[in-house]
Amino acid sequence: MKSSQGNGSSRGQAKGKSMYIFTIHSVSDPQAFWSGQLNLPEGTELPVVVPSADGTRGVCVFKSDSVDTVRNIVDGATAAVSRNEFYAINEGRALGLPA
């Protein structure tokens, strides 16, 4: 899963407000999933991508305005080859988040 910063809108984003979102992927076609391209809207970043050795599982950390934004991006691009879960990260209890 690769990302590219797009020129999309940041609908629903409060100015200066972003959060970290954790995604878990159960991948049926590792080649398609990990070589795919995500077009990230302005204000959404993908600083962490961690595939398993065989590519059938993975986790990612996004920074965006909402879980729904990330869900729409990821499921829109990968629903045919991956079952995805999405969680807002409790930043007050997290360790090692990207700076």
Protein backbone atom coordinates (compact mmCIF):
# COMPACT_ATOMS: atom_id res chain seq x y z
CA MET A 1 0.00 0.00 0.00
CA LYS A 2 1.60 3.21 -1.19
CA SER A 3 0.31 6.72 -0.72
CA SER A 4 0.35 9.86 -2.74
CA GLN A 5 -0.81 13.25 -1.57
CA GLY A 6 -3.74 14.36 -3.66
CA ASN A 7 -5.44 17.67 -4.10
CA GLY A 8 -8.72 16.40 -2.63
CA SER A 9 -10.80 18.46 -0.28
CA SER A 10 -10.64 18.15 3.47
CA ARG A 11 -14.43 18.10 3.99
CA GLY A 12 -15.51 17.84 7.59
CA GLN A 13 -12.06 18.66 8.94
CA ALA A 14 -11.87 21.18 11.74
CA LYS A 15 -9.00 23.56 11.05
CA GLY A 16 -5.83 22.28 12.68
CA LYS A 17 -7.64 19.24 14.11
CA SER A 18 -6.31 15.82 13.24
CA MET A 19 -6.07 12.43 14.89
CA TYR A 20 -4.21 9.16 14.50
CA ILE A 21 -6.14 6.18 13.13
CA PHE A 22 -4.96 2.57 13.40
CA THR A 23 -5.96 0.14 10.65
CA ILE A 24 -5.77 -3.65 10.64
CA HIS A 25 -5.83 -5.48 7.31
CA SER A 26 -6.63 -9.14 6.57
CA VAL A 27 -5.42 -9.45 2.99
CA SER A 28 -6.57 -12.09 0.45
CA ASP A 29 -4.34 -10.84 -2.41
CA PRO A 30 -1.07 -9.49 -0.96
CA GLN A 31 0.40 -8.54 -4.35
CA ALA A 32 -2.59 -6.37 -5.26
CA PHE A 33 -2.94 -4.87 -1.78
CA TRP A 34 0.67 -3.91 -1.07
CA SER A 35 1.41 -2.67 -4.59
CA GLY A 36 -1.77 -0.59 -4.77
CA GLN A 37 -1.79 3.18 -4.65
CA LEU A 38 -3.83 5.30 -2.22
CA ASN A 39 -4.64 8.84 -3.26
CA LEU A 40 -4.66 10.70 0.03
CA PRO A 41 -6.60 13.96 0.30
CA GLU A 42 -4.90 17.03 1.67
CA GLY A 43 -4.65 16.72 5.44
CA THR A 44 -4.33 12.92 5.47
CA GLU A 45 -0.96 11.22 5.97
CA LEU A 46 0.20 7.60 6.09
CA PRO A 47 3.40 7.62 8.19
CA VAL A 48 3.40 3.93 9.20
CA VAL A 49 2.85 0.81 7.04
CA VAL A 50 3.68 -2.61 8.55
CA PRO A 51 2.98 -5.73 6.45
CA SER A 52 3.47 -9.24 7.82
CA ALA A 53 6.24 -11.35 6.29
CA ASP A 54 3.79 -13.12 3.95
CA GLY A 55 1.70 -10.00 3.27
CA THR A 56 -1.61 -11.51 4.41
CA ARG A 57 -1.88 -9.24 7.46
CA GLY A 58 -0.84 -5.70 8.11
CA VAL A 59 -1.32 -2.61 10.18
CA CYS A 60 -1.07 1.05 9.25
CA VAL A 61 -1.21 4.33 11.13
CA PHE A 62 -2.87 7.26 9.40
CA LYS A 63 -3.14 10.87 10.52
CA SER A 64 -6.39 12.42 9.35
CA ASP A 65 -9.49 14.34 10.38
CA SER A 66 -11.63 11.26 11.12
CA VAL A 67 -11.91 7.49 11.08
CA ASP A 68 -14.57 7.83 8.37
CA THR A 69 -12.16 9.65 6.06
CA VAL A 70 -9.60 6.83 6.38
CA ARG A 71 -12.30 4.13 6.07
CA ASN A 72 -13.54 5.68 2.82
CA ILE A 73 -10.02 5.91 1.38
CA VAL A 74 -8.87 2.41 2.35
CA ASP A 75 -12.08 0.48 1.73
CA GLY A 76 -12.59 2.32 -1.54
CA ALA A 77 -9.19 1.15 -2.76
CA THR A 78 -8.89 -2.31 -1.17
CA ALA A 79 -12.31 -3.80 -0.35
CA ALA A 80 -11.96 -6.43 -3.09
CA VAL A 81 -8.70 -7.78 -1.62
CA SER A 82 -8.80 -6.98 2.11
CA ARG A 83 -11.04 -6.94 5.16
CA ASN A 84 -10.17 -3.78 7.09
CA GLU A 85 -10.74 -2.57 10.64
CA PHE A 86 -10.36 1.05 11.80
CA TYR A 87 -9.79 2.53 15.24
CA ALA A 88 -9.14 6.02 16.59
CA ILE A 89 -5.94 5.89 18.65
CA ASN A 90 -6.03 7.06 22.25
CA GLU A 91 -3.08 9.43 21.89
CA GLY A 92 -2.88 10.01 25.64
CA ARG A 93 -2.04 6.35 26.24
CA ALA A 94 -0.09 5.59 23.05
CA LEU A 95 3.69 5.24 22.88
CA GLY A 96 5.87 5.83 19.81
CA LEU A 97 3.44 7.66 17.55
CA PRO A 98 5.11 9.50 14.66
CA ALA A 99 6.11 13.05 15.55
